N, C-alpha and C. Protein backbone atom coordinates (compact mmCIF):
# COMPACT_ATOMS: atom_id res chain seq x y z
N MET A 1 9.57 -7.34 24.34
CA MET A 1 10.24 -7.12 23.06
C MET A 1 10.04 -5.67 22.58
N ILE A 2 11.12 -4.99 22.26
CA ILE A 2 11.02 -3.64 21.80
C ILE A 2 10.80 -3.63 20.29
N THR A 3 9.75 -2.90 19.84
CA THR A 3 9.41 -2.90 18.43
C THR A 3 9.39 -1.46 17.94
N THR A 4 10.04 -1.20 16.81
CA THR A 4 9.97 0.10 16.18
C THR A 4 9.70 -0.11 14.70
N VAL A 5 9.09 0.91 14.10
CA VAL A 5 8.85 0.91 12.65
C VAL A 5 10.15 1.15 11.96
N GLU A 6 10.27 0.58 10.73
CA GLU A 6 11.52 0.69 9.96
C GLU A 6 11.95 2.12 9.85
N ARG A 7 13.22 2.37 10.22
CA ARG A 7 13.76 3.69 10.13
C ARG A 7 14.19 4.05 8.74
N GLU A 8 14.44 5.29 8.51
CA GLU A 8 14.87 5.78 7.23
C GLU A 8 16.19 5.19 6.88
N PRO A 9 16.30 4.57 5.66
CA PRO A 9 17.55 3.93 5.25
C PRO A 9 18.69 4.98 5.17
N ALA A 10 19.92 4.51 5.39
CA ALA A 10 21.05 5.38 5.25
C ALA A 10 21.23 5.78 3.77
N PRO A 11 21.90 6.92 3.50
CA PRO A 11 22.07 7.32 2.11
C PRO A 11 22.81 6.24 1.30
N MET A 12 22.41 6.13 0.03
CA MET A 12 23.00 5.13 -0.81
C MET A 12 24.49 5.45 -1.06
N PRO A 13 25.29 4.44 -1.08
CA PRO A 13 26.72 4.67 -1.42
C PRO A 13 26.83 5.06 -2.89
N ALA A 14 27.87 5.82 -3.19
CA ALA A 14 28.08 6.31 -4.56
C ALA A 14 28.20 5.19 -5.55
N ALA A 15 28.73 4.02 -5.13
CA ALA A 15 28.91 2.98 -6.09
C ALA A 15 27.76 2.07 -6.27
N ALA A 16 26.63 2.38 -5.60
CA ALA A 16 25.44 1.53 -5.68
C ALA A 16 24.91 1.55 -7.12
N PRO A 17 24.37 0.42 -7.61
CA PRO A 17 23.81 0.38 -8.98
C PRO A 17 22.65 1.37 -9.08
N ALA A 18 22.50 1.96 -10.24
CA ALA A 18 21.47 2.95 -10.46
C ALA A 18 20.10 2.26 -10.35
N LEU A 19 19.16 2.96 -9.71
CA LEU A 19 17.81 2.46 -9.59
C LEU A 19 17.03 2.78 -10.83
N PRO A 20 16.02 2.00 -11.20
CA PRO A 20 15.35 2.13 -12.51
C PRO A 20 14.28 3.21 -12.51
N TYR A 21 14.55 4.37 -11.95
CA TYR A 21 13.58 5.44 -11.92
C TYR A 21 14.00 6.57 -12.80
N GLY A 22 13.04 7.30 -13.33
CA GLY A 22 13.33 8.45 -14.18
C GLY A 22 13.94 9.61 -13.36
N PRO A 23 14.36 10.67 -14.05
CA PRO A 23 15.00 11.76 -13.35
C PRO A 23 14.12 12.46 -12.32
N VAL A 24 12.80 12.64 -12.65
CA VAL A 24 11.90 13.25 -11.71
C VAL A 24 11.75 12.41 -10.46
N MET A 25 11.47 11.11 -10.68
CA MET A 25 11.28 10.21 -9.57
C MET A 25 12.52 10.10 -8.70
N THR A 26 13.68 10.13 -9.37
CA THR A 26 14.94 10.02 -8.63
C THR A 26 15.11 11.20 -7.70
N ARG A 27 14.70 12.43 -8.14
CA ARG A 27 14.81 13.61 -7.29
C ARG A 27 13.84 13.56 -6.16
N LEU A 28 12.67 12.91 -6.40
CA LEU A 28 11.63 12.82 -5.39
C LEU A 28 11.82 11.69 -4.40
N LEU A 29 12.75 10.79 -4.70
CA LEU A 29 12.88 9.57 -3.92
C LEU A 29 13.07 9.81 -2.47
N ARG A 30 14.02 10.68 -2.11
CA ARG A 30 14.28 10.92 -0.71
C ARG A 30 13.08 11.60 0.02
N PRO A 31 12.43 12.67 -0.57
CA PRO A 31 11.27 13.19 0.14
C PRO A 31 10.12 12.18 0.27
N LEU A 32 9.91 11.36 -0.78
CA LEU A 32 8.90 10.34 -0.70
C LEU A 32 9.20 9.32 0.40
N GLN A 33 10.50 8.99 0.51
CA GLN A 33 10.95 8.06 1.52
C GLN A 33 10.61 8.57 2.96
N ARG A 34 10.88 9.85 3.12
CA ARG A 34 10.58 10.44 4.44
C ARG A 34 9.05 10.45 4.67
N GLY A 35 8.28 10.76 3.65
CA GLY A 35 6.83 10.78 3.79
C GLY A 35 6.29 9.42 4.09
N PHE A 36 6.76 8.43 3.40
CA PHE A 36 6.32 7.04 3.67
C PHE A 36 6.67 6.60 5.07
N LEU A 37 7.86 7.08 5.56
CA LEU A 37 8.25 6.69 6.89
C LEU A 37 7.25 7.22 7.93
N VAL A 38 6.83 8.45 7.74
CA VAL A 38 5.82 9.05 8.68
C VAL A 38 4.50 8.29 8.56
N LEU A 39 4.03 8.09 7.35
CA LEU A 39 2.78 7.37 7.13
C LEU A 39 2.82 5.95 7.70
N ASN A 40 3.91 5.26 7.42
CA ASN A 40 4.01 3.87 7.88
C ASN A 40 4.06 3.79 9.42
N ARG A 41 4.84 4.66 10.02
CA ARG A 41 5.01 4.62 11.48
C ARG A 41 3.72 4.97 12.17
N GLY A 42 3.01 5.98 11.68
CA GLY A 42 1.82 6.46 12.41
C GLY A 42 0.56 5.78 12.03
N PHE A 43 0.50 5.11 10.88
CA PHE A 43 -0.81 4.58 10.43
C PHE A 43 -0.73 3.14 9.95
N MET A 44 0.04 2.88 8.87
CA MET A 44 0.03 1.60 8.19
C MET A 44 0.52 0.47 9.11
N ALA A 45 1.67 0.67 9.79
CA ALA A 45 2.22 -0.44 10.58
C ALA A 45 1.25 -0.78 11.74
N PRO A 46 0.72 0.19 12.52
CA PRO A 46 -0.22 -0.20 13.57
C PRO A 46 -1.46 -0.87 12.99
N LEU A 47 -1.94 -0.39 11.88
CA LEU A 47 -3.16 -0.99 11.26
C LEU A 47 -2.95 -2.45 10.95
N ILE A 48 -1.85 -2.76 10.27
CA ILE A 48 -1.57 -4.14 9.89
C ILE A 48 -1.26 -4.97 11.14
N ARG A 49 -0.48 -4.43 12.02
CA ARG A 49 -0.06 -5.12 13.25
C ARG A 49 -1.25 -5.63 14.04
N HIS A 50 -2.32 -4.81 14.08
CA HIS A 50 -3.51 -5.12 14.90
C HIS A 50 -4.59 -5.87 14.08
N GLY A 51 -4.26 -6.34 12.89
CA GLY A 51 -5.15 -7.24 12.15
C GLY A 51 -6.12 -6.53 11.23
N PHE A 52 -5.85 -5.29 10.88
CA PHE A 52 -6.80 -4.56 10.03
C PHE A 52 -6.24 -4.26 8.65
N GLY A 53 -5.17 -4.99 8.23
CA GLY A 53 -4.59 -4.71 6.94
C GLY A 53 -5.51 -5.04 5.78
N TRP A 54 -6.49 -5.94 6.02
CA TRP A 54 -7.41 -6.29 4.97
C TRP A 54 -8.33 -5.13 4.54
N LEU A 55 -8.40 -4.09 5.37
CA LEU A 55 -9.22 -2.95 5.08
C LEU A 55 -8.63 -2.05 3.97
N VAL A 56 -7.35 -2.13 3.72
CA VAL A 56 -6.73 -1.16 2.83
C VAL A 56 -6.24 -1.71 1.52
N GLY A 57 -6.24 -3.05 1.36
CA GLY A 57 -5.75 -3.66 0.13
C GLY A 57 -6.76 -3.62 -0.97
N ASN A 58 -6.27 -3.32 -2.20
CA ASN A 58 -7.16 -3.35 -3.40
C ASN A 58 -6.29 -3.28 -4.63
N PRO A 59 -6.84 -3.66 -5.80
CA PRO A 59 -6.04 -3.71 -7.02
C PRO A 59 -5.44 -2.40 -7.50
N LEU A 60 -6.05 -1.29 -7.04
CA LEU A 60 -5.59 0.04 -7.53
C LEU A 60 -4.33 0.47 -6.78
N THR A 61 -4.28 0.27 -5.48
CA THR A 61 -3.12 0.73 -4.69
C THR A 61 -2.28 -0.37 -4.13
N GLY A 62 -2.70 -1.64 -4.39
CA GLY A 62 -1.91 -2.81 -3.97
C GLY A 62 -2.37 -3.28 -2.57
N HIS A 63 -1.70 -4.39 -2.17
CA HIS A 63 -1.96 -5.01 -0.87
C HIS A 63 -0.68 -4.92 -0.02
N LEU A 64 -0.84 -4.81 1.30
CA LEU A 64 0.33 -4.61 2.14
C LEU A 64 0.45 -5.75 3.21
N MET A 65 1.68 -6.09 3.47
CA MET A 65 1.98 -6.98 4.58
C MET A 65 2.92 -6.18 5.52
N LEU A 66 3.21 -6.73 6.67
CA LEU A 66 4.14 -6.11 7.60
C LEU A 66 5.32 -7.12 7.75
N LEU A 67 6.54 -6.65 7.38
CA LEU A 67 7.69 -7.46 7.52
C LEU A 67 8.45 -7.05 8.78
N ARG A 68 8.72 -8.00 9.66
CA ARG A 68 9.43 -7.73 10.87
C ARG A 68 10.81 -8.41 10.85
N THR A 69 11.80 -7.56 10.94
CA THR A 69 13.23 -7.98 10.89
C THR A 69 13.91 -7.54 12.16
N ARG A 70 15.09 -8.06 12.40
CA ARG A 70 15.89 -7.65 13.49
C ARG A 70 17.01 -6.72 13.00
N GLY A 71 17.11 -5.52 13.57
CA GLY A 71 18.09 -4.53 13.13
C GLY A 71 19.51 -5.12 13.19
N HIS A 72 20.26 -4.97 12.06
CA HIS A 72 21.58 -5.59 12.03
C HIS A 72 22.57 -4.81 12.90
N ARG A 73 22.23 -3.61 13.34
CA ARG A 73 23.10 -2.89 14.28
C ARG A 73 22.51 -2.85 15.67
N SER A 74 21.26 -2.51 15.75
CA SER A 74 20.63 -2.30 17.09
C SER A 74 20.18 -3.61 17.74
N GLY A 75 19.85 -4.62 16.90
CA GLY A 75 19.29 -5.81 17.48
C GLY A 75 17.80 -5.73 17.84
N ARG A 76 17.23 -4.59 17.58
CA ARG A 76 15.79 -4.38 17.88
C ARG A 76 14.96 -4.87 16.70
N ILE A 77 13.67 -5.16 16.99
CA ILE A 77 12.75 -5.57 15.97
C ILE A 77 12.32 -4.36 15.15
N ARG A 78 12.42 -4.45 13.84
CA ARG A 78 12.00 -3.35 12.95
C ARG A 78 10.84 -3.79 12.09
N GLU A 79 9.93 -2.87 11.77
CA GLU A 79 8.76 -3.20 11.03
C GLU A 79 8.72 -2.34 9.71
N ALA A 80 8.34 -2.98 8.63
CA ALA A 80 8.26 -2.30 7.34
C ALA A 80 7.02 -2.78 6.63
N PRO A 81 6.01 -1.93 6.40
CA PRO A 81 4.85 -2.29 5.53
C PRO A 81 5.34 -2.36 4.09
N LEU A 82 5.02 -3.47 3.40
CA LEU A 82 5.51 -3.71 2.05
C LEU A 82 4.43 -4.32 1.19
N GLY A 83 4.46 -4.01 -0.15
CA GLY A 83 3.65 -4.75 -1.05
C GLY A 83 4.22 -6.10 -1.27
N TYR A 84 3.38 -7.08 -1.65
CA TYR A 84 3.82 -8.45 -1.75
C TYR A 84 3.00 -9.23 -2.76
N VAL A 85 3.48 -10.40 -3.13
CA VAL A 85 2.69 -11.41 -3.83
C VAL A 85 3.00 -12.75 -3.20
N ILE A 86 2.14 -13.73 -3.49
CA ILE A 86 2.30 -15.05 -2.94
C ILE A 86 2.50 -16.01 -4.13
N GLY A 87 3.48 -16.92 -4.00
CA GLY A 87 3.72 -17.88 -5.07
C GLY A 87 4.54 -19.06 -4.56
N ASP A 88 4.16 -20.23 -5.00
CA ASP A 88 4.93 -21.45 -4.64
C ASP A 88 5.07 -21.62 -3.15
N GLY A 89 4.02 -21.28 -2.37
CA GLY A 89 4.04 -21.46 -0.96
C GLY A 89 4.83 -20.44 -0.18
N ALA A 90 5.29 -19.36 -0.85
CA ALA A 90 6.12 -18.35 -0.19
C ALA A 90 5.54 -16.99 -0.47
N VAL A 91 6.12 -16.01 0.26
CA VAL A 91 5.81 -14.63 0.09
C VAL A 91 6.98 -13.93 -0.55
N TYR A 92 6.69 -13.05 -1.54
CA TYR A 92 7.78 -12.30 -2.18
C TYR A 92 7.54 -10.77 -2.02
N CYS A 93 8.61 -10.06 -1.86
CA CYS A 93 8.57 -8.60 -1.82
C CYS A 93 9.79 -8.04 -2.51
N VAL A 94 9.81 -6.73 -2.76
CA VAL A 94 10.93 -6.12 -3.49
C VAL A 94 11.46 -4.94 -2.70
N ALA A 95 12.78 -4.77 -2.71
CA ALA A 95 13.41 -3.64 -2.00
C ALA A 95 13.49 -2.44 -2.89
N GLY A 96 12.51 -1.50 -2.70
CA GLY A 96 12.35 -0.38 -3.60
C GLY A 96 13.44 0.65 -3.56
N TYR A 97 14.31 0.60 -2.57
CA TYR A 97 15.48 1.54 -2.48
C TYR A 97 16.75 0.82 -2.77
N GLY A 98 16.69 -0.36 -3.37
CA GLY A 98 17.90 -1.05 -3.76
C GLY A 98 18.58 -1.74 -2.65
N ALA A 99 19.85 -1.98 -2.82
CA ALA A 99 20.71 -2.76 -1.84
C ALA A 99 20.80 -2.04 -0.48
N SER A 100 20.62 -0.72 -0.48
CA SER A 100 20.73 0.00 0.79
C SER A 100 19.47 0.00 1.60
N THR A 101 18.42 -0.63 1.14
CA THR A 101 17.16 -0.67 1.90
C THR A 101 17.41 -1.30 3.27
N SER A 102 16.97 -0.63 4.33
CA SER A 102 17.33 -1.08 5.68
C SER A 102 16.80 -2.48 5.97
N TRP A 103 15.52 -2.75 5.68
CA TRP A 103 15.03 -4.09 6.02
C TRP A 103 15.74 -5.20 5.24
N LEU A 104 16.22 -4.88 4.03
CA LEU A 104 16.96 -5.86 3.27
C LEU A 104 18.29 -6.17 3.95
N ARG A 105 18.99 -5.12 4.39
CA ARG A 105 20.28 -5.37 5.10
C ARG A 105 20.04 -6.11 6.38
N ASN A 106 18.91 -5.89 7.06
CA ASN A 106 18.59 -6.58 8.26
C ASN A 106 18.42 -8.07 8.03
N LEU A 107 17.65 -8.46 7.00
CA LEU A 107 17.40 -9.85 6.79
C LEU A 107 18.58 -10.59 6.15
N ILE A 108 19.46 -9.84 5.53
CA ILE A 108 20.70 -10.50 5.04
C ILE A 108 21.57 -10.88 6.26
N ALA A 109 21.58 -10.01 7.27
CA ALA A 109 22.33 -10.27 8.47
C ALA A 109 21.66 -11.36 9.32
N ASP A 110 20.35 -11.37 9.34
CA ASP A 110 19.58 -12.36 10.13
C ASP A 110 18.37 -12.70 9.35
N PRO A 111 18.33 -13.81 8.62
CA PRO A 111 17.21 -14.16 7.73
C PRO A 111 15.92 -14.61 8.43
N SER A 112 15.97 -14.72 9.77
CA SER A 112 14.76 -15.10 10.48
C SER A 112 13.87 -13.88 10.63
N VAL A 113 12.65 -13.99 10.07
CA VAL A 113 11.73 -12.84 10.02
C VAL A 113 10.35 -13.31 10.44
N GLU A 114 9.48 -12.32 10.64
CA GLU A 114 8.06 -12.62 10.85
C GLU A 114 7.27 -11.77 9.84
N VAL A 115 6.24 -12.38 9.26
CA VAL A 115 5.39 -11.70 8.27
C VAL A 115 3.99 -11.64 8.78
N VAL A 116 3.41 -10.47 8.71
CA VAL A 116 1.99 -10.27 9.08
C VAL A 116 1.21 -9.96 7.82
N LEU A 117 0.42 -10.90 7.36
CA LEU A 117 -0.44 -10.73 6.21
C LEU A 117 -1.83 -10.25 6.64
N PRO A 118 -2.70 -9.82 5.73
CA PRO A 118 -3.99 -9.32 6.14
C PRO A 118 -4.80 -10.22 7.06
N THR A 119 -4.69 -11.53 6.89
CA THR A 119 -5.49 -12.48 7.70
C THR A 119 -4.69 -13.53 8.41
N ARG A 120 -3.39 -13.51 8.36
CA ARG A 120 -2.55 -14.49 9.10
C ARG A 120 -1.13 -13.94 9.24
N ARG A 121 -0.41 -14.61 10.10
CA ARG A 121 1.03 -14.22 10.29
C ARG A 121 1.81 -15.50 10.42
N PHE A 122 3.10 -15.43 10.06
CA PHE A 122 3.96 -16.63 10.17
C PHE A 122 5.38 -16.23 10.33
N ARG A 123 6.16 -17.14 10.87
CA ARG A 123 7.63 -16.94 10.96
C ARG A 123 8.25 -17.59 9.75
N GLY A 124 9.27 -16.93 9.22
CA GLY A 124 9.84 -17.44 7.98
C GLY A 124 11.35 -17.18 7.88
N THR A 125 11.90 -17.73 6.82
CA THR A 125 13.31 -17.48 6.48
C THR A 125 13.35 -16.73 5.18
N ALA A 126 14.04 -15.62 5.15
CA ALA A 126 14.08 -14.74 3.99
C ALA A 126 15.45 -14.85 3.25
N GLU A 127 15.39 -14.72 1.94
CA GLU A 127 16.64 -14.69 1.18
C GLU A 127 16.36 -14.00 -0.17
N PRO A 128 17.31 -13.21 -0.68
CA PRO A 128 17.15 -12.59 -1.97
C PRO A 128 17.09 -13.65 -3.08
N VAL A 129 16.27 -13.39 -4.07
CA VAL A 129 16.18 -14.25 -5.22
C VAL A 129 17.38 -14.09 -6.12
N THR A 130 18.07 -15.12 -6.49
CA THR A 130 19.24 -15.04 -7.32
C THR A 130 18.98 -15.60 -8.73
N ASP A 131 18.00 -16.47 -8.90
CA ASP A 131 17.77 -17.03 -10.22
C ASP A 131 17.09 -16.01 -11.13
N PRO A 132 17.69 -15.68 -12.31
CA PRO A 132 17.12 -14.63 -13.17
C PRO A 132 15.67 -14.88 -13.59
N ASP A 133 15.32 -16.12 -13.90
CA ASP A 133 13.96 -16.44 -14.34
C ASP A 133 12.98 -16.16 -13.22
N GLU A 134 13.30 -16.62 -12.04
CA GLU A 134 12.45 -16.41 -10.87
C GLU A 134 12.33 -14.91 -10.53
N TRP A 135 13.44 -14.23 -10.67
CA TRP A 135 13.43 -12.76 -10.39
C TRP A 135 12.49 -12.05 -11.38
N LEU A 136 12.62 -12.38 -12.70
CA LEU A 136 11.81 -11.77 -13.72
C LEU A 136 10.32 -12.00 -13.50
N ALA A 137 9.94 -13.21 -13.30
CA ALA A 137 8.49 -13.54 -13.12
C ALA A 137 7.97 -12.85 -11.88
N THR A 138 8.73 -12.93 -10.80
CA THR A 138 8.20 -12.37 -9.55
C THR A 138 8.21 -10.82 -9.54
N TYR A 139 9.22 -10.26 -10.15
CA TYR A 139 9.32 -8.81 -10.23
C TYR A 139 8.10 -8.25 -11.04
N ARG A 140 7.79 -8.86 -12.14
CA ARG A 140 6.64 -8.48 -12.93
C ARG A 140 5.37 -8.57 -12.16
N ALA A 141 5.23 -9.71 -11.45
CA ALA A 141 4.02 -9.87 -10.65
C ALA A 141 3.90 -8.85 -9.52
N LEU A 142 5.00 -8.54 -8.93
CA LEU A 142 5.03 -7.54 -7.82
C LEU A 142 4.64 -6.15 -8.34
N ILE A 143 5.25 -5.71 -9.39
CA ILE A 143 4.94 -4.35 -9.92
C ILE A 143 3.49 -4.29 -10.37
N ALA A 144 2.98 -5.36 -11.00
CA ALA A 144 1.57 -5.39 -11.41
C ALA A 144 0.64 -5.35 -10.21
N SER A 145 1.04 -6.01 -9.12
CA SER A 145 0.16 -6.02 -7.93
C SER A 145 0.11 -4.71 -7.20
N PHE A 146 1.06 -3.82 -7.48
CA PHE A 146 1.09 -2.47 -6.89
C PHE A 146 0.08 -1.55 -7.52
N GLY A 147 -0.57 -1.96 -8.62
CA GLY A 147 -1.61 -1.20 -9.25
C GLY A 147 -1.06 0.16 -9.80
N LEU A 148 -1.80 1.21 -9.62
CA LEU A 148 -1.41 2.52 -10.16
C LEU A 148 -0.12 3.03 -9.60
N ILE A 149 0.14 2.68 -8.34
CA ILE A 149 1.41 3.11 -7.74
C ILE A 149 2.59 2.47 -8.45
N GLY A 150 2.52 1.21 -8.73
CA GLY A 150 3.59 0.53 -9.47
C GLY A 150 3.86 1.08 -10.85
N ARG A 151 2.73 1.31 -11.61
CA ARG A 151 2.88 1.84 -12.93
C ARG A 151 3.41 3.30 -12.93
N THR A 152 2.98 4.03 -11.92
CA THR A 152 3.48 5.46 -11.83
C THR A 152 4.95 5.52 -11.55
N ILE A 153 5.42 4.70 -10.61
CA ILE A 153 6.78 4.79 -10.17
C ILE A 153 7.73 4.07 -11.06
N VAL A 154 7.38 2.85 -11.50
CA VAL A 154 8.29 2.01 -12.31
C VAL A 154 7.84 1.92 -13.76
N GLY A 155 6.61 2.01 -14.03
CA GLY A 155 6.09 1.81 -15.41
C GLY A 155 5.45 0.47 -15.52
N ASP A 156 4.90 0.20 -16.71
CA ASP A 156 4.24 -1.10 -17.00
C ASP A 156 5.31 -2.08 -17.48
N VAL A 157 5.74 -3.00 -16.61
CA VAL A 157 6.82 -3.91 -16.94
C VAL A 157 6.33 -5.20 -17.53
N ARG A 158 5.02 -5.36 -17.71
CA ARG A 158 4.49 -6.63 -18.25
C ARG A 158 5.01 -6.97 -19.59
N THR A 159 5.22 -5.97 -20.40
CA THR A 159 5.65 -6.24 -21.79
C THR A 159 7.07 -5.77 -22.07
N THR A 160 7.77 -5.29 -21.03
CA THR A 160 9.14 -4.82 -21.18
C THR A 160 10.06 -6.00 -21.50
N ASP A 161 10.98 -5.80 -22.41
CA ASP A 161 11.90 -6.87 -22.78
C ASP A 161 12.66 -7.39 -21.57
N GLU A 162 12.87 -8.72 -21.56
CA GLU A 162 13.52 -9.34 -20.44
C GLU A 162 14.94 -8.82 -20.22
N ALA A 163 15.66 -8.62 -21.34
CA ALA A 163 17.04 -8.15 -21.22
C ALA A 163 17.09 -6.74 -20.62
N GLU A 164 16.13 -5.92 -20.99
CA GLU A 164 16.06 -4.54 -20.45
C GLU A 164 15.77 -4.59 -18.93
N LEU A 165 14.81 -5.46 -18.54
CA LEU A 165 14.51 -5.57 -17.17
C LEU A 165 15.72 -5.98 -16.31
N LEU A 166 16.41 -7.02 -16.81
CA LEU A 166 17.59 -7.53 -16.10
C LEU A 166 18.67 -6.49 -16.05
N GLU A 167 18.76 -5.65 -17.06
CA GLU A 167 19.85 -4.64 -17.09
C GLU A 167 19.51 -3.44 -16.23
N ARG A 168 18.26 -2.96 -16.29
CA ARG A 168 17.91 -1.68 -15.63
C ARG A 168 17.24 -1.85 -14.28
N HIS A 169 16.53 -2.97 -14.04
CA HIS A 169 15.74 -3.14 -12.87
C HIS A 169 16.32 -4.15 -11.86
N ARG A 170 17.36 -4.84 -12.19
CA ARG A 170 17.89 -5.86 -11.29
C ARG A 170 18.50 -5.22 -10.08
N SER A 171 18.65 -3.91 -10.05
CA SER A 171 19.16 -3.22 -8.85
C SER A 171 18.11 -3.21 -7.72
N LEU A 172 16.88 -3.63 -8.05
CA LEU A 172 15.84 -3.74 -7.05
C LEU A 172 15.73 -5.24 -6.62
N PRO A 173 16.35 -5.65 -5.49
CA PRO A 173 16.35 -7.02 -5.14
C PRO A 173 14.92 -7.52 -4.77
N VAL A 174 14.60 -8.74 -5.25
CA VAL A 174 13.39 -9.43 -4.93
C VAL A 174 13.74 -10.40 -3.81
N VAL A 175 12.92 -10.49 -2.75
CA VAL A 175 13.19 -11.35 -1.66
C VAL A 175 12.04 -12.40 -1.51
N ARG A 176 12.49 -13.65 -1.26
CA ARG A 176 11.54 -14.75 -1.05
C ARG A 176 11.51 -15.10 0.44
N ILE A 177 10.35 -15.25 1.00
CA ILE A 177 10.22 -15.63 2.44
C ILE A 177 9.40 -16.90 2.50
N ARG A 178 10.06 -17.96 2.96
CA ARG A 178 9.39 -19.23 3.12
C ARG A 178 9.10 -19.53 4.62
N PRO A 179 7.93 -20.08 4.94
CA PRO A 179 7.65 -20.42 6.33
C PRO A 179 8.68 -21.38 6.89
N ILE A 180 8.99 -21.23 8.16
CA ILE A 180 9.89 -22.15 8.77
C ILE A 180 9.22 -23.52 8.94
N GLU A 181 10.03 -24.54 9.24
CA GLU A 181 9.48 -25.88 9.43
C GLU A 181 8.46 -25.88 10.57
N GLY A 182 7.36 -26.49 10.28
CA GLY A 182 6.23 -26.49 11.25
C GLY A 182 5.14 -25.50 10.92
N GLU A 183 5.47 -24.49 10.07
CA GLU A 183 4.48 -23.52 9.64
C GLU A 183 3.93 -23.99 8.28
N ALA A 184 2.62 -23.75 8.10
CA ALA A 184 1.98 -24.16 6.84
C ALA A 184 2.48 -23.29 5.71
N ALA A 185 2.53 -23.87 4.48
CA ALA A 185 2.89 -23.14 3.28
C ALA A 185 1.88 -22.00 3.09
N VAL A 186 2.32 -20.90 2.53
CA VAL A 186 1.47 -19.74 2.33
C VAL A 186 0.61 -19.93 1.08
N ALA A 187 -0.67 -19.75 1.23
CA ALA A 187 -1.57 -19.79 0.11
C ALA A 187 -2.37 -18.49 0.06
N GLY A 188 -2.64 -18.03 -1.14
CA GLY A 188 -3.35 -16.76 -1.26
C GLY A 188 -4.79 -16.86 -0.77
N GLY A 189 -5.25 -15.85 -0.11
CA GLY A 189 -6.58 -15.80 0.40
C GLY A 189 -7.35 -14.64 -0.24
N PRO A 190 -8.64 -14.42 0.19
CA PRO A 190 -9.44 -13.41 -0.48
C PRO A 190 -8.95 -12.00 -0.29
N PHE A 191 -8.16 -11.78 0.76
CA PHE A 191 -7.64 -10.40 1.01
C PHE A 191 -6.19 -10.24 0.58
N ASP A 192 -5.65 -11.21 -0.10
CA ASP A 192 -4.32 -11.11 -0.68
C ASP A 192 -4.38 -10.72 -2.14
N PRO A 193 -3.21 -10.35 -2.75
CA PRO A 193 -3.23 -9.98 -4.15
C PRO A 193 -3.93 -11.03 -4.99
N GLY A 194 -4.82 -10.61 -5.85
CA GLY A 194 -5.55 -11.56 -6.71
C GLY A 194 -6.87 -11.99 -6.18
N GLY A 195 -7.13 -11.76 -4.87
CA GLY A 195 -8.35 -12.12 -4.23
C GLY A 195 -9.43 -11.02 -4.41
N LEU A 196 -10.65 -11.40 -4.07
CA LEU A 196 -11.75 -10.44 -4.20
C LEU A 196 -12.26 -9.91 -2.87
N GLY A 197 -11.55 -10.18 -1.78
CA GLY A 197 -12.00 -9.70 -0.49
C GLY A 197 -12.00 -8.17 -0.39
N TRP A 198 -11.24 -7.51 -1.23
CA TRP A 198 -11.23 -6.00 -1.17
C TRP A 198 -12.61 -5.43 -1.47
N LEU A 199 -13.47 -6.20 -2.18
CA LEU A 199 -14.82 -5.72 -2.49
C LEU A 199 -15.63 -5.50 -1.26
N LEU A 200 -15.37 -6.20 -0.16
CA LEU A 200 -16.15 -6.05 1.07
C LEU A 200 -15.99 -4.66 1.70
N PRO A 201 -14.74 -4.25 2.04
CA PRO A 201 -14.63 -2.89 2.61
C PRO A 201 -14.94 -1.83 1.59
N CYS A 202 -14.66 -2.03 0.33
CA CYS A 202 -15.02 -0.99 -0.68
C CYS A 202 -16.52 -0.87 -0.79
N GLY A 203 -17.20 -2.02 -0.82
CA GLY A 203 -18.67 -2.01 -0.85
C GLY A 203 -19.29 -1.37 0.33
N ALA A 204 -18.74 -1.63 1.49
CA ALA A 204 -19.25 -1.01 2.71
C ALA A 204 -19.04 0.49 2.68
N THR A 205 -17.88 0.93 2.14
CA THR A 205 -17.63 2.37 2.06
C THR A 205 -18.63 3.08 1.15
N VAL A 206 -18.90 2.42 0.02
CA VAL A 206 -19.89 2.96 -0.95
C VAL A 206 -21.27 3.05 -0.33
N ALA A 207 -21.63 1.94 0.41
CA ALA A 207 -22.95 1.91 1.04
C ALA A 207 -23.12 3.03 2.09
N VAL A 208 -22.07 3.21 2.91
CA VAL A 208 -22.11 4.27 3.91
C VAL A 208 -22.19 5.63 3.27
N ALA A 209 -21.39 5.82 2.22
CA ALA A 209 -21.44 7.14 1.50
C ALA A 209 -22.78 7.40 0.89
N PHE A 210 -23.36 6.36 0.31
CA PHE A 210 -24.73 6.49 -0.28
C PHE A 210 -25.76 6.83 0.77
N ALA A 211 -25.68 6.12 1.92
CA ALA A 211 -26.60 6.41 3.00
C ALA A 211 -26.48 7.81 3.52
N GLY A 212 -25.19 8.29 3.63
CA GLY A 212 -24.97 9.63 4.06
C GLY A 212 -25.52 10.64 3.10
N TRP A 213 -25.38 10.36 1.83
CA TRP A 213 -25.93 11.27 0.76
C TRP A 213 -27.43 11.31 0.84
N ARG A 214 -28.08 10.14 1.00
CA ARG A 214 -29.55 10.07 1.12
C ARG A 214 -29.99 10.88 2.36
N TRP A 215 -29.31 10.74 3.45
CA TRP A 215 -29.66 11.48 4.69
C TRP A 215 -29.52 12.95 4.44
N TRP A 216 -28.46 13.39 3.82
CA TRP A 216 -28.19 14.80 3.52
C TRP A 216 -29.31 15.35 2.65
N ARG A 217 -29.72 14.60 1.63
CA ARG A 217 -30.79 15.03 0.76
C ARG A 217 -32.09 15.15 1.50
N THR A 218 -32.34 14.24 2.43
CA THR A 218 -33.56 14.28 3.23
C THR A 218 -33.65 15.49 4.12
N THR A 219 -32.52 15.85 4.77
CA THR A 219 -32.53 16.95 5.70
C THR A 219 -32.63 18.29 4.97
N ARG A 220 -32.41 18.38 3.68
CA ARG A 220 -32.49 19.62 2.94
C ARG A 220 -33.83 19.85 2.36
N ARG A 221 -34.75 18.88 2.48
CA ARG A 221 -36.11 19.09 1.93
C ARG A 221 -36.92 20.00 2.87
């Protein structure tokens, strides 16, 4: 099976709904998109694919999964590292580039996907969330789970009026992925959003840094 990391989405059509970003972020969107493409292809996708995604998730920068879709034009498997939350036995993610997001167009054409979480993987069926109440609750949870990145890019949506969110932010589709029949329902684990597993790699990093500092101090005496 041929696997490639998610390619850069095609330019948004002129009639696409406006994305809920400020003027500065809107100007930076395309350069950031290219930067994330390089980072994801060279580092994040291989890391998650080989079972090490649990090393990078934390409340400050969010937790990542790997979404594998089939290209709607090429037929090849595409990979996209994405932030996510777990709820009601399913995994949710959001298309940060709106309706033109490549992986979103892929799963609309073929909803059969594979999801690689920090400590498990499953095959599922993906579909955009259409219920406004479900979209609101999940969108707020997703942005909150992205930590500082979410607040910097979108803002703090926890207290934003529901009508404003539906008017300005609904251009960012939320996607629900349920395991196929025969796969267990998804339940949050220690290395998923809301878990405390992130303390393990962070604690180990602090311990190594402290040991290195002590060694450096000793060698200078």
